[in-house]
Amino acid sequence: MTGKLFIKTFGCQMNEYDSSRIADLLNESH
């Protein structure tokens, strides 16, 4: 959850799709 929030704040609306992919990667890592 924290990672997702950080990614959302760090990324822009245009990178929303990328954020989703990163969140998935983080979930897999965890």
N, C-alpha and C. Protein backbone atom coordinates (compact mmCIF):
# COMPACT_ATOMS: atom_id res chain seq x y z
N MET A 1 0.84 -1.20 0.00
CA MET A 1 0.00 0.00 0.00
C MET A 1 0.88 1.26 0.00
N THR A 2 1.87 1.25 0.87
CA THR A 2 2.75 2.42 0.94
C THR A 2 3.47 2.61 -0.40
N GLY A 3 3.94 1.51 -0.98
CA GLY A 3 4.64 1.61 -2.25
C GLY A 3 3.74 2.20 -3.32
N LYS A 4 2.50 1.77 -3.34
CA LYS A 4 1.57 2.26 -4.35
C LYS A 4 1.39 3.77 -4.20
N LEU A 5 1.22 4.21 -2.96
CA LEU A 5 1.03 5.64 -2.71
C LEU A 5 2.25 6.41 -3.17
N PHE A 6 3.42 5.88 -2.84
CA PHE A 6 4.67 6.55 -3.21
C PHE A 6 4.79 6.65 -4.73
N ILE A 7 4.47 5.56 -5.40
CA ILE A 7 4.56 5.54 -6.87
C ILE A 7 3.58 6.56 -7.45
N LYS A 8 2.37 6.61 -6.89
CA LYS A 8 1.36 7.53 -7.41
C LYS A 8 1.83 8.97 -7.25
N THR A 9 2.43 9.26 -6.11
CA THR A 9 2.90 10.63 -5.87
C THR A 9 4.12 10.93 -6.74
N PHE A 10 4.99 9.93 -6.89
CA PHE A 10 6.22 10.12 -7.67
C PHE A 10 5.91 10.22 -9.16
N GLY A 11 4.98 9.38 -9.63
CA GLY A 11 4.63 9.37 -11.05
C GLY A 11 3.55 10.39 -11.38
N CYS A 12 3.46 10.74 -12.65
CA CYS A 12 2.42 11.69 -13.07
C CYS A 12 1.20 10.93 -13.59
N GLN A 13 0.15 11.65 -13.91
CA GLN A 13 -1.05 11.01 -14.42
C GLN A 13 -0.73 10.24 -15.70
N MET A 14 0.19 10.75 -16.48
CA MET A 14 0.56 10.08 -17.73
C MET A 14 1.23 8.75 -17.43
N ASN A 15 1.90 8.67 -16.29
CA ASN A 15 2.60 7.43 -15.93
C ASN A 15 1.71 6.54 -15.07
N GLU A 16 0.41 6.78 -15.11
CA GLU A 16 -0.50 5.98 -14.29
C GLU A 16 -0.36 4.50 -14.67
N TYR A 17 -0.29 4.23 -15.96
CA TYR A 17 -0.17 2.84 -16.42
C TYR A 17 1.13 2.23 -15.90
N ASP A 18 2.22 3.00 -16.01
CA ASP A 18 3.52 2.51 -15.52
C ASP A 18 3.43 2.23 -14.04
N SER A 19 2.79 3.11 -13.29
CA SER A 19 2.67 2.93 -11.84
C SER A 19 1.99 1.60 -11.55
N SER A 20 0.97 1.29 -12.34
CA SER A 20 0.24 0.03 -12.12
C SER A 20 1.19 -1.15 -12.33
N ARG A 21 2.00 -1.06 -13.36
CA ARG A 21 2.94 -2.15 -13.66
C ARG A 21 3.97 -2.26 -12.53
N ILE A 22 4.46 -1.13 -12.07
CA ILE A 22 5.45 -1.13 -10.98
C ILE A 22 4.83 -1.73 -9.73
N ALA A 23 3.59 -1.38 -9.46
CA ALA A 23 2.90 -1.90 -8.27
C ALA A 23 2.84 -3.42 -8.37
N ASP A 24 2.56 -3.93 -9.56
CA ASP A 24 2.50 -5.39 -9.75
C ASP A 24 3.87 -6.00 -9.47
N LEU A 25 4.92 -5.36 -9.95
CA LEU A 25 6.27 -5.88 -9.73
C LEU A 25 6.58 -5.89 -8.25
N LEU A 26 6.21 -4.82 -7.55
CA LEU A 26 6.45 -4.74 -6.11
C LEU A 26 5.70 -5.86 -5.40
N ASN A 27 4.47 -6.08 -5.82
CA ASN A 27 3.66 -7.13 -5.21
C ASN A 27 4.34 -8.48 -5.39
N GLU A 28 4.88 -8.72 -6.57
CA GLU A 28 5.56 -9.99 -6.84
C GLU A 28 6.80 -10.11 -5.97
N SER A 29 7.53 -9.02 -5.84
CA SER A 29 8.75 -9.01 -5.03
C SER A 29 8.41 -9.35 -3.58
N HIS A 30 7.36 -8.76 -3.09
CA HIS A 30 6.93 -9.00 -1.71
C HIS A 30 6.26 -10.36 -1.65
